Protein backbone atom coordinates (compact mmCIF):
# COMPACT_ATOMS: atom_id res chain seq x y z
CA MET A 1 0.00 0.00 0.00
CA THR A 2 1.27 3.46 -0.93
CA ASP A 3 0.31 6.61 0.94
CA GLU A 4 0.14 9.87 -1.00
CA TYR A 5 1.09 13.18 0.60
CA PHE A 6 0.94 16.60 -1.02
CA PRO A 7 2.49 19.92 -0.01
CA PRO A 8 0.34 22.96 0.86
CA ARG A 9 -0.29 24.56 -2.52
CA GLN A 10 -2.77 27.39 -2.15
CA LYS A 11 -0.40 30.25 -1.28
CA SER A 12 2.17 29.33 -3.91
CA LEU A 13 -0.45 28.88 -6.65
CA ILE A 14 -2.13 32.21 -5.83
CA LEU A 15 1.15 34.16 -5.86
CA ASN A 16 2.50 32.52 -9.01
CA GLY A 17 -0.90 32.82 -10.66
CA LEU A 18 -0.93 36.56 -9.95
CA ALA A 19 2.61 36.87 -11.34
CA ALA A 20 1.56 35.03 -14.53
CA PHE A 21 -1.53 37.25 -14.85
CA VAL A 22 0.57 40.43 -14.54
CA LEU A 23 3.06 39.18 -17.12
CA VAL A 24 0.25 38.29 -19.54
CA LEU A 25 -1.21 41.79 -19.12
CA LEU A 26 2.19 43.37 -19.77
CA ILE A 27 2.73 41.27 -22.88
CA LEU A 28 -0.73 42.03 -24.25
CA GLY A 29 -0.33 45.72 -23.44
CA MET A 30 2.99 45.94 -25.28
CA LEU A 31 1.57 44.08 -28.26
CA ILE A 32 -1.54 46.24 -28.47
CA ILE A 33 0.35 49.52 -28.08
CA GLY A 34 3.07 48.33 -30.44
CA SER A 35 0.57 47.32 -33.13
CA MET A 36 -1.30 50.63 -32.87
CA THR A 37 1.65 53.05 -32.88
CA ARG A 38 2.78 54.50 -36.17
CA GLN A 39 6.41 54.86 -35.12
CA ASN A 40 7.93 51.71 -36.55
CA THR A 41 11.04 51.67 -34.33
CA LEU A 42 9.03 52.16 -31.14
CA ALA A 43 6.57 49.49 -32.20
CA ILE A 44 9.38 46.99 -32.82
CA LEU A 45 10.93 47.75 -29.40
CA LEU A 46 7.60 47.24 -27.63
CA MET A 47 6.87 43.99 -29.42
CA ALA A 48 10.42 42.73 -28.90
CA ALA A 49 10.00 43.45 -25.18
CA GLY A 50 6.77 41.46 -25.27
CA ILE A 51 8.61 38.51 -26.82
CA LEU A 52 11.34 38.68 -24.16
CA LEU A 53 8.70 38.63 -21.41
CA LEU A 54 7.62 35.21 -22.65
CA LEU A 55 10.64 33.70 -20.88
CA PRO A 56 9.72 34.83 -17.33
CA LEU A 57 6.09 33.94 -18.11
CA PHE A 58 7.15 30.44 -19.11
CA LEU A 59 9.26 30.11 -15.93
CA VAL A 60 6.33 31.17 -13.73
CA ILE A 61 4.01 28.73 -15.50
CA TYR A 62 6.59 25.98 -15.05
CA ARG A 63 6.78 26.80 -11.32
CA ILE A 64 2.99 26.39 -11.14
CA PHE A 65 3.35 23.02 -12.87
CA VAL A 66 6.10 22.02 -10.40
CA VAL A 67 3.92 22.86 -7.40
CA LEU A 68 0.90 21.05 -8.85
CA SER A 69 2.94 17.94 -9.70
CA THR A 70 4.75 17.67 -6.35
CA VAL A 71 3.81 14.47 -4.54
CA TYR A 72 5.42 12.35 -1.81
CA LEU A 73 4.68 8.63 -2.14
CA LEU A 74 5.42 6.62 1.00
CA SER A 75 5.32 2.83 0.85
CA ARG A 76 6.82 -0.03 2.82
CA ASP A 77 9.72 -0.19 0.38
CA ALA A 78 10.51 3.39 -0.59
CA LEU A 79 9.85 7.09 -0.38
CA GLU A 80 9.31 8.47 -3.87
CA ILE A 81 9.32 12.22 -4.41
CA SER A 82 8.22 13.65 -7.77
CA TRP A 83 8.04 17.28 -8.85
CA GLY A 84 8.05 18.81 -12.31
CA LEU A 85 10.52 16.93 -14.48
CA ARG A 86 12.42 15.53 -11.51
CA ARG A 87 12.14 12.44 -9.32
CA GLU A 88 13.91 10.97 -6.30
CA LEU A 89 13.45 7.39 -5.08
CA LEU A 90 14.81 6.57 -1.60
CA PRO A 91 14.67 2.99 -0.26
CA ILE A 92 13.15 2.97 3.22
CA GLY A 93 15.98 0.81 4.57
CA GLN A 94 18.56 3.44 3.58
CA ILE A 95 16.82 6.39 5.28
CA ASP A 96 18.47 7.13 8.65
CA TRP A 97 15.73 9.31 10.12
CA VAL A 98 12.84 11.64 9.35
CA ASN A 99 11.98 14.57 11.64
CA PRO A 100 9.85 17.73 11.50
CA VAL A 101 12.03 20.81 11.17
CA SER A 102 9.96 22.50 13.89
CA GLU A 103 11.49 20.14 16.49
CA PHE A 104 15.03 21.43 15.87
CA GLU A 105 16.34 24.30 17.97
CA THR A 106 18.08 25.90 14.98
CA GLN A 107 15.93 27.01 12.08
CA LEU A 108 16.90 26.19 8.51
CA PRO A 109 18.32 29.19 6.60
CA LEU A 110 15.79 29.26 3.78
CA GLY A 111 17.04 32.43 2.12
CA VAL A 112 14.95 34.68 -0.10
CA THR A 113 12.15 33.16 -2.18
CA PHE A 114 9.11 34.53 -3.97
CA LEU A 115 7.19 35.73 -0.87
CA LYS A 116 8.10 32.43 0.87
CA SER A 117 5.71 30.42 -1.27
CA ALA A 118 7.97 27.71 -2.71
CA TYR A 119 11.33 26.16 -1.89
CA TYR A 120 12.79 24.05 -4.67
CA GLY A 121 16.37 23.24 -5.61
CA GLU A 122 19.63 22.55 -3.81
CA LYS A 123 21.12 24.82 -1.17
CA ARG A 124 24.30 24.47 0.88
CA ILE A 125 23.56 24.66 4.60
CA ASN A 126 26.16 24.79 7.34
CA GLY A 127 26.21 21.50 9.24
CA LEU A 128 24.22 19.66 6.59
CA GLY A 129 26.04 20.37 3.35
CA GLN A 130 24.19 20.30 0.04
CA THR A 131 20.48 19.96 0.86
CA LEU A 132 17.69 19.37 -1.65
CA PHE A 133 14.44 21.27 -1.05
CA VAL A 134 11.10 20.08 -2.44
CA ALA A 135 8.75 22.08 -0.25
CA THR A 136 6.25 24.93 -0.17
CA SER A 137 5.58 25.59 3.53
CA PRO A 138 8.26 26.34 6.19
CA GLU A 139 5.78 25.41 8.94
CA GLN A 140 5.36 21.84 7.66
CA MET A 141 8.92 21.10 6.59
CA VAL A 142 10.38 17.65 7.25
CA LEU A 143 14.12 16.96 7.21
CA ILE A 144 15.17 13.56 5.83
CA LYS A 145 18.66 12.10 6.29
CA ARG A 146 20.07 9.34 4.13
CA GLY A 147 23.80 8.85 4.66
CA ASN A 148 25.43 12.16 3.76
CA GLN A 149 22.38 13.29 1.80
CA TYR A 150 19.73 15.62 3.25
CA LEU A 151 16.35 16.39 1.76
CA VAL A 152 13.55 18.72 2.86
CA ILE A 153 9.88 18.16 2.02
CA SER A 154 6.66 19.70 3.34
CA PRO A 155 3.64 17.36 3.53
CA GLU A 156 0.44 19.05 4.62
CA ASN A 157 0.82 17.56 8.11
CA ALA A 158 4.48 16.98 8.96
CA ARG A 159 3.81 15.15 12.24
CA ILE A 160 1.39 12.64 10.71
CA PHE A 161 3.85 11.97 7.88
CA CYS A 162 6.70 11.29 10.33
CA GLU A 163 4.53 9.01 12.48
CA ARG A 164 3.49 7.04 9.43
CA PHE A 165 7.12 6.73 8.34
CA ASP A 166 8.09 5.34 11.77
CA GLN A 167 5.32 2.74 11.54
CA ILE A 168 6.41 1.63 8.08
CA ASN A 169 10.09 1.63 9.02
CA GLN A 170 9.42 -0.75 11.94
CA LEU A 171 7.76 -3.23 9.59
CA GLY A 172 10.84 -3.46 7.36
CA SER A 173 11.08 -3.51 3.57
CA LEU A 174 9.76 -6.36 1.47
CA LYS A 175 12.37 -5.93 -1.28
CA GLN A 176 15.72 -4.28 -1.77
CA PHE A 177 16.66 -1.96 -4.62
CA GLU A 178 18.99 0.92 -5.40
CA PRO A 179 18.02 4.58 -5.00
CA GLU A 180 17.15 6.46 -8.17
CA SER A 181 17.51 10.11 -9.10
CA GLU A 182 16.19 11.85 -12.19
CA ASN A 183 16.95 15.53 -12.79
CA LEU A 184 16.90 17.97 -15.69
CA THR A 185 20.55 17.30 -16.53
CA MET A 186 19.92 13.56 -16.82
CA LEU A 187 16.78 14.18 -18.86
CA TRP A 188 18.64 16.48 -21.22
CA GLN A 189 21.41 13.88 -21.62
CA ARG A 190 18.82 11.25 -22.50
CA VAL A 191 17.21 13.54 -25.05
CA TRP A 192 20.55 14.62 -26.53
CA ALA A 193 21.64 11.00 -26.87
CA ASP A 194 18.55 10.32 -29.00
CA ARG A 195 19.67 11.05 -32.57
CA TRP A 196 16.25 12.05 -33.90
CA ALA A 197 15.32 14.09 -30.83
CA LYS A 198 18.63 15.97 -31.08
CA ARG A 199 18.06 16.73 -34.76
CA MET A 200 14.50 17.90 -34.12
CA LEU A 201 15.53 20.25 -31.31
CA ILE A 202 18.40 21.74 -33.32
CA ALA A 203 16.12 22.19 -36.34
CA GLY A 204 13.51 23.81 -34.10
CA ILE A 205 16.05 26.31 -32.76
CA ILE A 206 17.24 27.13 -36.28
CA SER A 207 13.67 27.58 -37.59
CA LEU A 208 12.80 29.89 -34.68
CA ALA A 209 15.98 31.91 -35.24
CA LEU A 210 15.10 32.31 -38.94
CA LEU A 211 11.58 33.42 -37.99
CA LEU A 212 12.90 36.03 -35.54
CA ILE A 213 15.48 37.30 -38.06
CA ALA A 214 12.85 37.55 -40.80
CA ALA A 215 10.44 39.40 -38.50
CA MET A 216 13.10 41.88 -37.34
CA THR A 217 14.43 42.44 -40.86
CA ILE A 218 11.00 43.06 -42.35
CA GLY A 219 9.92 45.23 -39.43
CA LEU A 220 12.99 47.47 -39.77
CA SER A 221 13.25 47.60 -43.55
CA ARG A 222 9.58 48.05 -44.49
CA GLU A 223 6.99 50.63 -43.61
CA GLN A 224 3.99 48.41 -44.31
CA ILE A 225 3.19 44.78 -45.11
CA VAL A 226 0.09 42.97 -46.36
CA TRP A 227 -1.55 41.34 -43.35
CA VAL A 228 -3.59 38.13 -43.31
CA SER A 229 -6.76 40.23 -43.70
CA MET A 230 -5.33 41.46 -47.04
CA GLU A 231 -5.01 45.02 -45.75
CA ARG A 232 -1.77 46.98 -45.43
CA VAL A 233 -0.61 47.35 -41.83
CA PRO A 234 2.57 48.64 -40.13
CA ALA A 235 5.50 46.29 -40.73
CA SER A 236 6.07 46.04 -36.97
CA ARG A 237 3.17 43.58 -36.84
CA ALA A 238 5.52 41.02 -38.31
CA LEU A 239 6.79 40.51 -34.77
CA LEU A 240 3.37 39.19 -33.78
CA LEU A 241 4.08 36.05 -35.78
CA ALA A 242 7.51 35.84 -34.17
CA LEU A 243 5.90 36.01 -30.72
CA ILE A 244 3.35 33.32 -31.61
CA GLY A 245 6.13 31.11 -33.00
CA THR A 246 8.24 31.58 -29.86
CA LEU A 247 5.34 30.77 -27.53
CA PHE A 248 4.37 27.76 -29.65
CA GLY A 249 7.97 26.51 -29.64
CA LEU A 250 8.32 26.83 -25.85
CA ILE A 251 5.08 24.95 -25.22
CA ASN A 252 5.88 22.16 -27.67
CA THR A 253 9.43 21.75 -26.37
CA PHE A 254 8.19 21.45 -22.79
CA VAL A 255 5.43 19.00 -23.70
CA GLY A 256 7.92 16.90 -25.65
CA LEU A 257 10.34 16.80 -22.69
CA LEU A 258 7.53 15.84 -20.32
CA LEU A 259 6.41 12.99 -22.55
CA TYR A 260 10.02 11.93 -23.00
CA LEU A 261 10.45 11.70 -19.24
CA GLN A 262 7.22 9.86 -18.59
CA ASP A 263 7.62 7.47 -21.54
CA ARG A 264 3.89 7.75 -22.15
CA VAL A 265 4.12 7.81 -25.92
CA ALA A 266 6.40 6.40 -28.56
CA ALA A 267 9.45 8.31 -29.76
CA ASN A 268 7.91 9.06 -33.15
CA VAL A 269 5.03 10.93 -31.46
CA ARG A 270 7.47 13.09 -29.50
CA ASN A 271 9.38 13.80 -32.69
CA LEU A 272 6.09 14.68 -34.39
CA ILE A 273 5.38 17.31 -31.73
CA TRP A 274 8.82 18.87 -32.16
CA GLY A 275 8.55 18.56 -35.94
CA TRP A 276 5.27 20.49 -35.81
CA THR A 277 7.17 23.38 -34.20
CA ILE A 278 9.60 23.45 -37.13
CA LEU A 279 6.73 23.40 -39.64
CA VAL A 280 4.86 26.25 -37.92
CA ASN A 281 7.99 28.41 -37.76
CA ALA A 282 8.68 27.72 -41.44
CA ILE A 283 5.09 28.64 -42.40
CA PHE A 284 5.30 31.88 -40.41
CA THR A 285 8.65 32.76 -42.00
CA ILE A 286 7.31 32.17 -45.53
CA ALA A 287 4.17 34.15 -44.67
CA LEU A 288 6.27 37.11 -43.52
CA ILE A 289 8.30 37.07 -46.71
CA LEU A 290 5.12 36.98 -48.82
CA MET A 291 3.62 39.86 -46.81
CA ALA A 292 6.67 41.98 -47.48
CA VAL A 293 6.76 41.34 -51.24
């Protein structure tokens, strides 16, 4: 039997959701103002800024995904921790102890986070060394020791989690296996070792670069272009297609990596998703060239 525990999510989701909402408003505002202004250079700067804001927006959305996907699975054999594109599997027999952080006299130095709503990643702590955090609430944090490795999680009720761990630990494991660790570096190595996946990602980057270059060149060298509605509009609107292509590429790349990690679909389906990104970028690039002719 496996017990599922989840971290407190509400505060982190609200704060990151507000951050994503603000970024979306900023991007839309820059696009609207940029598409309406008649000063071509100013319009291009505004739209380029909107494209650049896609990166922090994507990071915030990914943080929301990480919080939503965080789960602690406790069974008689192992403690499995999953979050985002990462996973840690710790055999119960190799865990030295599990204790609520609130029972320690010295508080953990958590550092500065986004309004103390999420704690993810590794941090060096005096006395513990490199410590991995997969938590959202300082009040419910649990410190786990396995050899020289320390890990911090935050189930919704830290005391109940620790009591359940003690009960399971007394029963003993039914089978022995080695600990497992999956991180972004390992995932990227797996993807890069796949010949077709590597080619698709490189081709996707090249196609996006060509789309951005075409949009910038047309926007700076032309006063007007023929838009999809067959009317002549300021050439700065060419960057709208570049923004759509960038957003589409980020989403498809992330979805492909997620499917690659989970092994839920065959490799040719993942390559199809990434290949679709290349095709869309190519179509947008050709469309821009035709609009400028």
